[in-house]
N, C-alpha and C. Protein backbone atom coordinates (compact mmCIF):
# COMPACT_ATOMS: atom_id res chain seq x y z
N MET A 1 9.75 123.06 168.25
CA MET A 1 10.79 122.12 168.56
C MET A 1 11.67 122.68 169.66
N ILE A 2 12.11 121.79 170.54
CA ILE A 2 13.07 122.17 171.56
C ILE A 2 14.32 121.33 171.36
N ALA A 3 15.43 121.82 171.86
CA ALA A 3 16.69 121.09 171.72
C ALA A 3 17.44 121.13 173.05
N PHE A 4 18.14 120.02 173.31
CA PHE A 4 18.97 119.91 174.50
C PHE A 4 20.36 119.46 174.09
N GLN A 5 21.36 120.00 174.75
CA GLN A 5 22.72 119.49 174.66
C GLN A 5 22.85 118.47 175.80
N VAL A 6 23.14 117.22 175.46
CA VAL A 6 23.24 116.16 176.47
C VAL A 6 24.63 115.54 176.32
N ASP A 7 25.62 116.18 176.94
CA ASP A 7 27.00 115.77 176.77
C ASP A 7 27.30 114.37 177.30
N ASP A 8 26.50 113.88 178.23
CA ASP A 8 26.74 112.54 178.75
C ASP A 8 25.96 111.46 178.00
N MET A 9 25.41 111.78 176.84
CA MET A 9 24.79 110.81 175.94
C MET A 9 25.92 110.29 175.04
N ALA A 10 26.31 109.02 175.23
CA ALA A 10 27.53 108.55 174.58
C ALA A 10 27.35 107.34 173.66
N CYS A 11 26.17 106.70 173.65
CA CYS A 11 26.01 105.49 172.84
C CYS A 11 24.54 105.29 172.48
N GLY A 12 24.29 104.25 171.72
CA GLY A 12 22.93 103.93 171.32
C GLY A 12 22.03 103.62 172.49
N HIS A 13 22.58 103.01 173.53
CA HIS A 13 21.78 102.73 174.73
C HIS A 13 21.33 104.04 175.38
N CYS A 14 22.22 105.01 175.42
CA CYS A 14 21.87 106.32 175.97
C CYS A 14 20.72 106.95 175.17
N VAL A 15 20.83 106.89 173.85
CA VAL A 15 19.78 107.44 172.98
C VAL A 15 18.45 106.75 173.27
N SER A 16 18.49 105.43 173.38
CA SER A 16 17.28 104.66 173.66
C SER A 16 16.67 105.05 175.00
N THR A 17 17.51 105.19 176.01
CA THR A 17 17.03 105.55 177.34
C THR A 17 16.39 106.94 177.34
N ILE A 18 17.03 107.89 176.68
CA ILE A 18 16.49 109.25 176.60
C ILE A 18 15.19 109.26 175.82
N THR A 19 15.14 108.53 174.72
CA THR A 19 13.93 108.46 173.91
C THR A 19 12.78 107.88 174.73
N LYS A 20 13.02 106.81 175.47
CA LYS A 20 11.99 106.20 176.32
C LYS A 20 11.52 107.17 177.40
N ALA A 21 12.44 107.91 177.97
CA ALA A 21 12.08 108.88 179.01
C ALA A 21 11.18 109.97 178.43
N VAL A 22 11.53 110.46 177.25
CA VAL A 22 10.72 111.49 176.59
C VAL A 22 9.34 110.94 176.25
N LYS A 23 9.29 109.74 175.68
CA LYS A 23 8.01 109.14 175.27
C LYS A 23 7.12 108.83 176.48
N ALA A 24 7.71 108.60 177.64
CA ALA A 24 6.92 108.36 178.85
C ALA A 24 6.15 109.62 179.26
N VAL A 25 6.70 110.77 178.94
CA VAL A 25 6.07 112.05 179.27
C VAL A 25 5.19 112.54 178.13
N ASP A 26 5.63 112.32 176.90
CA ASP A 26 4.94 112.82 175.72
C ASP A 26 4.97 111.73 174.65
N GLN A 27 3.98 110.87 174.67
CA GLN A 27 3.96 109.68 173.82
C GLN A 27 4.05 110.00 172.34
N GLY A 28 3.50 111.13 171.92
CA GLY A 28 3.50 111.49 170.52
C GLY A 28 4.71 112.30 170.07
N ALA A 29 5.64 112.55 170.98
CA ALA A 29 6.80 113.36 170.65
C ALA A 29 7.68 112.66 169.62
N SER A 30 8.31 113.47 168.79
CA SER A 30 9.29 112.98 167.84
C SER A 30 10.67 113.33 168.39
N VAL A 31 11.53 112.32 168.55
CA VAL A 31 12.85 112.51 169.14
C VAL A 31 13.92 112.25 168.09
N LYS A 32 14.82 113.20 167.95
CA LYS A 32 15.95 113.04 167.03
C LYS A 32 17.22 113.28 167.83
N ALA A 33 18.08 112.27 167.90
CA ALA A 33 19.31 112.38 168.67
C ALA A 33 20.51 112.26 167.75
N ASP A 34 21.50 113.10 167.98
CA ASP A 34 22.75 113.06 167.23
C ASP A 34 23.89 112.81 168.21
N LEU A 35 24.41 111.58 168.19
CA LEU A 35 25.48 111.23 169.12
C LEU A 35 26.74 112.06 168.91
N ALA A 36 27.07 112.35 167.66
CA ALA A 36 28.31 113.08 167.38
C ALA A 36 28.31 114.46 168.02
N SER A 37 27.17 115.12 168.03
CA SER A 37 27.09 116.47 168.61
C SER A 37 26.47 116.47 170.00
N HIS A 38 26.00 115.31 170.47
CA HIS A 38 25.36 115.17 171.78
C HIS A 38 24.13 116.06 171.89
N ARG A 39 23.39 116.12 170.80
CA ARG A 39 22.22 116.99 170.72
C ARG A 39 20.96 116.14 170.58
N VAL A 40 19.91 116.53 171.31
CA VAL A 40 18.61 115.88 171.22
C VAL A 40 17.60 116.95 170.84
N GLU A 41 16.86 116.71 169.76
CA GLU A 41 15.80 117.62 169.32
C GLU A 41 14.47 116.90 169.48
N ILE A 42 13.49 117.61 170.03
CA ILE A 42 12.20 117.00 170.33
C ILE A 42 11.08 117.89 169.79
N GLU A 43 10.17 117.27 169.02
CA GLU A 43 8.94 117.91 168.60
C GLU A 43 7.88 117.52 169.63
N LEU A 44 7.38 118.48 170.38
CA LEU A 44 6.41 118.23 171.44
C LEU A 44 5.00 118.03 170.89
N THR A 45 4.21 117.23 171.62
CA THR A 45 2.78 117.14 171.30
C THR A 45 1.93 117.36 172.54
N GLU A 46 2.38 116.90 173.70
CA GLU A 46 1.54 116.94 174.91
C GLU A 46 2.22 117.55 176.13
N SER A 47 3.46 117.92 176.05
CA SER A 47 4.19 118.35 177.24
C SER A 47 4.92 119.66 176.96
N ASP A 48 5.69 120.10 177.95
CA ASP A 48 6.50 121.29 177.75
C ASP A 48 7.97 120.97 177.98
N ALA A 49 8.82 121.93 177.69
CA ALA A 49 10.26 121.72 177.75
C ALA A 49 10.72 121.31 179.15
N GLN A 50 10.15 121.91 180.17
CA GLN A 50 10.59 121.60 181.54
C GLN A 50 10.24 120.16 181.91
N GLU A 51 9.07 119.69 181.51
CA GLU A 51 8.70 118.30 181.79
C GLU A 51 9.67 117.33 181.11
N LEU A 52 10.03 117.63 179.88
CA LEU A 52 10.96 116.76 179.17
C LEU A 52 12.36 116.83 179.77
N ARG A 53 12.79 118.00 180.14
CA ARG A 53 14.10 118.14 180.79
C ARG A 53 14.13 117.32 182.08
N ASN A 54 13.07 117.41 182.86
CA ASN A 54 13.00 116.64 184.11
C ASN A 54 13.04 115.14 183.83
N ALA A 55 12.34 114.69 182.80
CA ALA A 55 12.32 113.26 182.46
C ALA A 55 13.70 112.78 182.05
N ILE A 56 14.42 113.58 181.28
CA ILE A 56 15.77 113.21 180.86
C ILE A 56 16.72 113.19 182.06
N GLN A 57 16.57 114.15 182.97
CA GLN A 57 17.38 114.17 184.19
C GLN A 57 17.10 112.95 185.05
N GLU A 58 15.84 112.58 185.20
CA GLU A 58 15.47 111.41 186.00
C GLU A 58 16.02 110.12 185.39
N ALA A 59 16.26 110.13 184.07
CA ALA A 59 16.84 108.96 183.40
C ALA A 59 18.36 108.91 183.61
N GLY A 60 18.93 109.94 184.23
CA GLY A 60 20.35 109.93 184.56
C GLY A 60 21.25 110.78 183.70
N TYR A 61 20.67 111.71 182.95
CA TYR A 61 21.45 112.54 182.03
C TYR A 61 21.34 114.01 182.41
N THR A 62 22.19 114.83 181.81
CA THR A 62 22.22 116.25 182.14
C THR A 62 21.89 117.09 180.91
N PRO A 63 20.59 117.25 180.61
CA PRO A 63 20.19 118.05 179.46
C PRO A 63 20.34 119.54 179.72
N VAL A 64 20.92 120.25 178.76
CA VAL A 64 21.05 121.69 178.84
C VAL A 64 20.23 122.28 177.70
N PRO A 65 19.21 123.07 178.01
CA PRO A 65 18.39 123.65 176.95
C PRO A 65 19.25 124.51 176.03
N MET A 66 18.92 124.46 174.74
CA MET A 66 19.62 125.28 173.77
C MET A 66 18.65 125.71 172.69
N ALA A 67 19.00 126.75 171.98
CA ALA A 67 18.17 127.19 170.86
C ALA A 67 18.18 126.11 169.79
N ALA A 68 17.08 125.91 169.12
CA ALA A 68 16.96 124.86 168.13
C ALA A 68 17.98 125.00 167.01
N ASN A 69 18.44 126.21 166.73
CA ASN A 69 19.40 126.41 165.66
C ASN A 69 20.81 126.70 166.18
N ALA A 70 21.05 126.50 167.46
CA ALA A 70 22.36 126.77 168.05
C ALA A 70 23.37 125.70 167.67
N ALA A 71 24.61 126.09 167.63
CA ALA A 71 25.69 125.14 167.34
C ALA A 71 25.93 124.28 168.58
N PRO A 72 26.29 123.01 168.41
CA PRO A 72 26.55 122.14 169.55
C PRO A 72 27.82 122.52 170.29
N ALA A 73 27.91 122.10 171.53
CA ALA A 73 29.11 122.34 172.32
C ALA A 73 30.28 121.57 171.74
N ALA A 74 31.48 122.05 171.96
CA ALA A 74 32.66 121.46 171.33
C ALA A 74 33.16 120.22 172.05
N THR A 75 33.14 120.19 173.38
CA THR A 75 33.74 119.09 174.12
C THR A 75 32.71 118.39 174.99
N PRO A 76 32.44 117.11 174.73
CA PRO A 76 31.49 116.38 175.57
C PRO A 76 32.06 116.08 176.95
N ASN A 77 31.19 116.04 177.93
CA ASN A 77 31.55 115.71 179.30
C ASN A 77 30.80 114.42 179.66
N ARG A 78 31.46 113.30 179.61
CA ARG A 78 30.81 112.01 179.81
C ARG A 78 31.00 111.56 181.25
N SER A 79 30.04 111.92 182.08
CA SER A 79 30.20 111.54 183.47
C SER A 79 29.02 110.78 184.05
N GLY A 80 27.79 111.06 183.63
CA GLY A 80 26.65 110.47 184.30
C GLY A 80 25.91 109.41 183.53
N SER A 81 26.33 109.10 182.33
CA SER A 81 25.58 108.16 181.50
C SER A 81 25.92 106.72 181.82
N CYS A 82 25.26 105.83 181.11
CA CYS A 82 25.53 104.41 181.27
C CYS A 82 26.97 104.07 180.84
N CYS A 83 27.57 104.92 180.06
CA CYS A 83 28.89 104.66 179.49
C CYS A 83 30.01 105.34 180.25
N GLY A 84 29.65 106.17 181.21
CA GLY A 84 30.76 106.90 181.70
C GLY A 84 30.91 107.27 183.07
């Protein structure tokens, strides 16, 4: 599993957009997003972390790789998403 801190993920639309971007690269991936912590966890099947990071960036977000068990960042920065 890989995890990203995506501080500009601010709503359900953002989650949907990120999920679609991930699935476009890795159709079998399992995506779990937590809006409160701005964290996205992905179980890979066909791709690697860099491909997924690039897909999320191309969708307009700023994913920051993090350890799967790391604590989320304290303050979200909402600048590049559909909401901000």
